[in-house]
Amino acid sequence: MDIVYIRELEVETVIGIYDWEREIQQTVSIDLDMGTDIRQAAATEDVENTLNYKSVSDLLIEFVGKSEFQLVETMAEEIAERVMQTFGVRWIRVRVGKPGAVPAARDVGVIIERGERF
């Protein structure tokens, strides 16, 4: 299995459980590891034969930017589901961080893995 990854994709969105959080946008940071096979892309040098990280990023920027989740857990689940369905990814690891949510920590959040490694 090969992995195409995205690190620290920052998106402004409504996220949180408190009333004041529902009235503002906050930054979330997203990391993805996506299991795929890059051999055909490497052999042909054709972007159509790979998992295009720009297309994945564009989808997430639009989807997360318009979302209004209360929990990062829900956001992570929805990200995993959308990427797997849209791009045919069989295994994914999603990290969603909420920088600044805990003043004494640089970042807090969740990491999930879905699908099966091959």
C-alpha atoms as a PDB file:
ATOM      1  CA  MET A   1       0.000   0.000   0.000  1.00  0.00           C
ATOM      2  CA  ASP A   2       1.181   3.482  -0.828  1.00  0.00           C
ATOM      3  CA  ILE A   3       0.081   6.590   1.013  1.00  0.00           C
ATOM      4  CA  VAL A   4      -0.837   9.964  -0.419  1.00  0.00           C
ATOM      5  CA  TYR A   5      -0.913  12.526   2.357  1.00  0.00           C
ATOM      6  CA  ILE A   6      -1.999  16.066   3.149  1.00  0.00           C
ATOM      7  CA  ARG A   7      -0.585  17.892   6.179  1.00  0.00           C
ATOM      8  CA  GLU A   8      -1.944  20.884   8.082  1.00  0.00           C
ATOM      9  CA  LEU A   9      -4.742  21.827   5.715  1.00  0.00           C
ATOM     10  CA  GLU A  10      -6.215  24.825   7.518  1.00  0.00           C
ATOM     11  CA  VAL A  11      -9.883  25.641   7.071  1.00  0.00           C
ATOM     12  CA  GLU A  12     -12.010  28.340   8.709  1.00  0.00           C
ATOM     13  CA  THR A  13     -15.327  26.942   9.914  1.00  0.00           C
ATOM     14  CA  VAL A  14     -17.967  27.011  12.622  1.00  0.00           C
ATOM     15  CA  ILE A  15     -17.009  24.327  15.165  1.00  0.00           C
ATOM     16  CA  GLY A  16     -17.833  23.878  18.819  1.00  0.00           C
ATOM     17  CA  ILE A  17     -20.486  23.242  21.429  1.00  0.00           C
ATOM     18  CA  TYR A  18     -20.624  26.596  23.185  1.00  0.00           C
ATOM     19  CA  ASP A  19     -22.979  29.383  22.113  1.00  0.00           C
ATOM     20  CA  TRP A  20     -20.109  31.794  21.442  1.00  0.00           C
ATOM     21  CA  GLU A  21     -18.442  29.183  19.175  1.00  0.00           C
ATOM     22  CA  ARG A  22     -21.584  28.926  17.063  1.00  0.00           C
ATOM     23  CA  GLU A  23     -21.277  32.653  16.231  1.00  0.00           C
ATOM     24  CA  ILE A  24     -17.674  32.717  14.962  1.00  0.00           C
ATOM     25  CA  GLN A  25     -15.387  30.876  12.612  1.00  0.00           C
ATOM     26  CA  GLN A  26     -12.379  29.048  13.975  1.00  0.00           C
ATOM     27  CA  THR A  27      -9.443  27.369  12.280  1.00  0.00           C
ATOM     28  CA  VAL A  28      -9.257  23.605  12.131  1.00  0.00           C
ATOM     29  CA  SER A  29      -6.155  21.781  10.965  1.00  0.00           C
ATOM     30  CA  ILE A  30      -6.572  18.578   8.960  1.00  0.00           C
ATOM     31  CA  ASP A  31      -4.061  15.829   8.198  1.00  0.00           C
ATOM     32  CA  LEU A  32      -4.895  12.920   5.912  1.00  0.00           C
ATOM     33  CA  ASP A  33      -3.090   9.693   5.089  1.00  0.00           C
ATOM     34  CA  MET A  34      -4.856   7.915   2.236  1.00  0.00           C
ATOM     35  CA  GLY A  35      -4.036   4.363   1.178  1.00  0.00           C
ATOM     36  CA  THR A  36      -3.731   3.949  -2.569  1.00  0.00           C
ATOM     37  CA  ASP A  37      -1.562   2.393  -5.272  1.00  0.00           C
ATOM     38  CA  ILE A  38       0.653   4.924  -7.063  1.00  0.00           C
ATOM     39  CA  ARG A  39       2.393   2.533  -9.480  1.00  0.00           C
ATOM     40  CA  GLN A  40       0.282   3.403 -12.525  1.00  0.00           C
ATOM     41  CA  ALA A  41       0.676   7.137 -11.880  1.00  0.00           C
ATOM     42  CA  ALA A  42       4.429   6.712 -11.490  1.00  0.00           C
ATOM     43  CA  ALA A  43       4.684   4.695 -14.710  1.00  0.00           C
ATOM     44  CA  THR A  44       2.576   7.077 -16.820  1.00  0.00           C
ATOM     45  CA  GLU A  45       3.226  10.407 -15.073  1.00  0.00           C
ATOM     46  CA  ASP A  46      -0.461  11.112 -15.629  1.00  0.00           C
ATOM     47  CA  VAL A  47      -2.312  12.854 -12.804  1.00  0.00           C
ATOM     48  CA  GLU A  48      -5.508  11.084 -13.887  1.00  0.00           C
ATOM     49  CA  ASN A  49      -3.940   7.841 -12.639  1.00  0.00           C
ATOM     50  CA  THR A  50      -3.320   9.015  -9.100  1.00  0.00           C
ATOM     51  CA  LEU A  51      -5.160  10.165  -6.028  1.00  0.00           C
ATOM     52  CA  ASN A  52      -4.968  13.905  -6.650  1.00  0.00           C
ATOM     53  CA  TYR A  53      -4.239  15.655  -3.348  1.00  0.00           C
ATOM     54  CA  LYS A  54      -5.284  19.008  -4.831  1.00  0.00           C
ATOM     55  CA  SER A  55      -8.741  17.625  -5.651  1.00  0.00           C
ATOM     56  CA  VAL A  56      -9.031  16.135  -2.155  1.00  0.00           C
ATOM     57  CA  SER A  57      -7.936  19.451  -0.598  1.00  0.00           C
ATOM     58  CA  ASP A  58     -10.402  21.432  -2.692  1.00  0.00           C
ATOM     59  CA  LEU A  59     -13.250  19.128  -1.634  1.00  0.00           C
ATOM     60  CA  LEU A  60     -12.350  19.461   2.046  1.00  0.00           C
ATOM     61  CA  ILE A  61     -11.912  23.231   1.949  1.00  0.00           C
ATOM     62  CA  GLU A  62     -15.393  23.608   0.466  1.00  0.00           C
ATOM     63  CA  PHE A  63     -17.083  20.948   2.633  1.00  0.00           C
ATOM     64  CA  VAL A  64     -15.503  21.845   5.981  1.00  0.00           C
ATOM     65  CA  GLY A  65     -15.710  25.580   5.284  1.00  0.00           C
ATOM     66  CA  LYS A  66     -19.487  25.336   4.889  1.00  0.00           C
ATOM     67  CA  SER A  67     -20.023  22.917   7.770  1.00  0.00           C
ATOM     68  CA  GLU A  68     -21.169  23.731  11.287  1.00  0.00           C
ATOM     69  CA  PHE A  69     -20.206  20.676  13.327  1.00  0.00           C
ATOM     70  CA  GLN A  70     -20.291  20.728  17.085  1.00  0.00           C
ATOM     71  CA  LEU A  71     -17.618  18.065  17.596  1.00  0.00           C
ATOM     72  CA  VAL A  72     -14.308  17.415  15.854  1.00  0.00           C
ATOM     73  CA  GLU A  73     -15.209  13.724  16.149  1.00  0.00           C
ATOM     74  CA  THR A  74     -18.183  14.218  13.839  1.00  0.00           C
ATOM     75  CA  MET A  75     -16.093  16.291  11.452  1.00  0.00           C
ATOM     76  CA  ALA A  76     -13.418  13.579  11.256  1.00  0.00           C
ATOM     77  CA  GLU A  77     -16.030  10.874  10.528  1.00  0.00           C
ATOM     78  CA  GLU A  78     -17.647  12.952   7.784  1.00  0.00           C
ATOM     79  CA  ILE A  79     -14.267  13.775   6.211  1.00  0.00           C
ATOM     80  CA  ALA A  80     -13.288  10.089   6.147  1.00  0.00           C
ATOM     81  CA  GLU A  81     -16.610   9.068   4.615  1.00  0.00           C
ATOM     82  CA  ARG A  82     -16.565  11.761   1.911  1.00  0.00           C
ATOM     83  CA  VAL A  83     -12.971  11.120   0.849  1.00  0.00           C
ATOM     84  CA  MET A  84     -13.444   7.351   0.764  1.00  0.00           C
ATOM     85  CA  GLN A  85     -16.655   7.594  -1.273  1.00  0.00           C
ATOM     86  CA  THR A  86     -15.589  10.381  -3.625  1.00  0.00           C
ATOM     87  CA  PHE A  87     -12.085   9.143  -4.417  1.00  0.00           C
ATOM     88  CA  GLY A  88     -12.374   5.387  -3.876  1.00  0.00           C
ATOM     89  CA  VAL A  89      -9.902   5.390  -0.991  1.00  0.00           C
ATOM     90  CA  ARG A  90      -9.921   2.022   0.809  1.00  0.00           C
ATOM     91  CA  TRP A  91      -8.042   3.129   3.952  1.00  0.00           C
ATOM     92  CA  ILE A  92      -7.722   6.566   5.533  1.00  0.00           C
ATOM     93  CA  ARG A  93      -6.307   8.170   8.650  1.00  0.00           C
ATOM     94  CA  VAL A  94      -7.821  11.566   9.490  1.00  0.00           C
ATOM     95  CA  ARG A  95      -6.501  13.972  12.118  1.00  0.00           C
ATOM     96  CA  VAL A  96      -8.624  17.006  12.941  1.00  0.00           C
ATOM     97  CA  GLY A  97      -7.024  19.532  15.258  1.00  0.00           C
ATOM     98  CA  LYS A  98      -8.551  22.562  16.880  1.00  0.00           C
ATOM     99  CA  PRO A  99      -5.598  24.859  17.690  1.00  0.00           C
ATOM    100  CA  GLY A 100      -6.211  27.219  20.573  1.00  0.00           C
ATOM    101  CA  ALA A 101      -9.147  25.274  22.038  1.00  0.00           C
ATOM    102  CA  VAL A 102      -7.155  24.615  25.203  1.00  0.00           C
ATOM    103  CA  PRO A 103      -5.021  27.630  26.136  1.00  0.00           C
ATOM    104  CA  ALA A 104      -2.195  25.543  27.620  1.00  0.00           C
ATOM    105  CA  ALA A 105      -1.967  23.268  24.542  1.00  0.00           C
ATOM    106  CA  ARG A 106      -0.798  24.086  21.039  1.00  0.00           C
ATOM    107  CA  ASP A 107      -3.444  21.810  19.532  1.00  0.00           C
ATOM    108  CA  VAL A 108      -6.120  19.279  20.514  1.00  0.00           C
ATOM    109  CA  GLY A 109      -8.279  16.997  18.439  1.00  0.00           C
ATOM    110  CA  VAL A 110      -8.883  13.468  17.227  1.00  0.00           C
ATOM    111  CA  ILE A 111      -7.277  10.892  14.965  1.00  0.00           C
ATOM    112  CA  ILE A 112      -9.374   8.180  13.334  1.00  0.00           C
ATOM    113  CA  GLU A 113      -8.620   5.361  10.905  1.00  0.00           C
ATOM    114  CA  ARG A 114     -11.267   3.868   8.647  1.00  0.00           C
ATOM    115  CA  GLY A 115     -11.204   1.120   6.052  1.00  0.00           C
ATOM    116  CA  GLU A 116      -8.723  -1.709   5.669  1.00  0.00           C
ATOM    117  CA  ARG A 117      -5.052  -1.544   4.849  1.00  0.00           C
ATOM    118  CA  PHE A 118      -4.105  -3.543   1.805  1.00  0.00           C
END
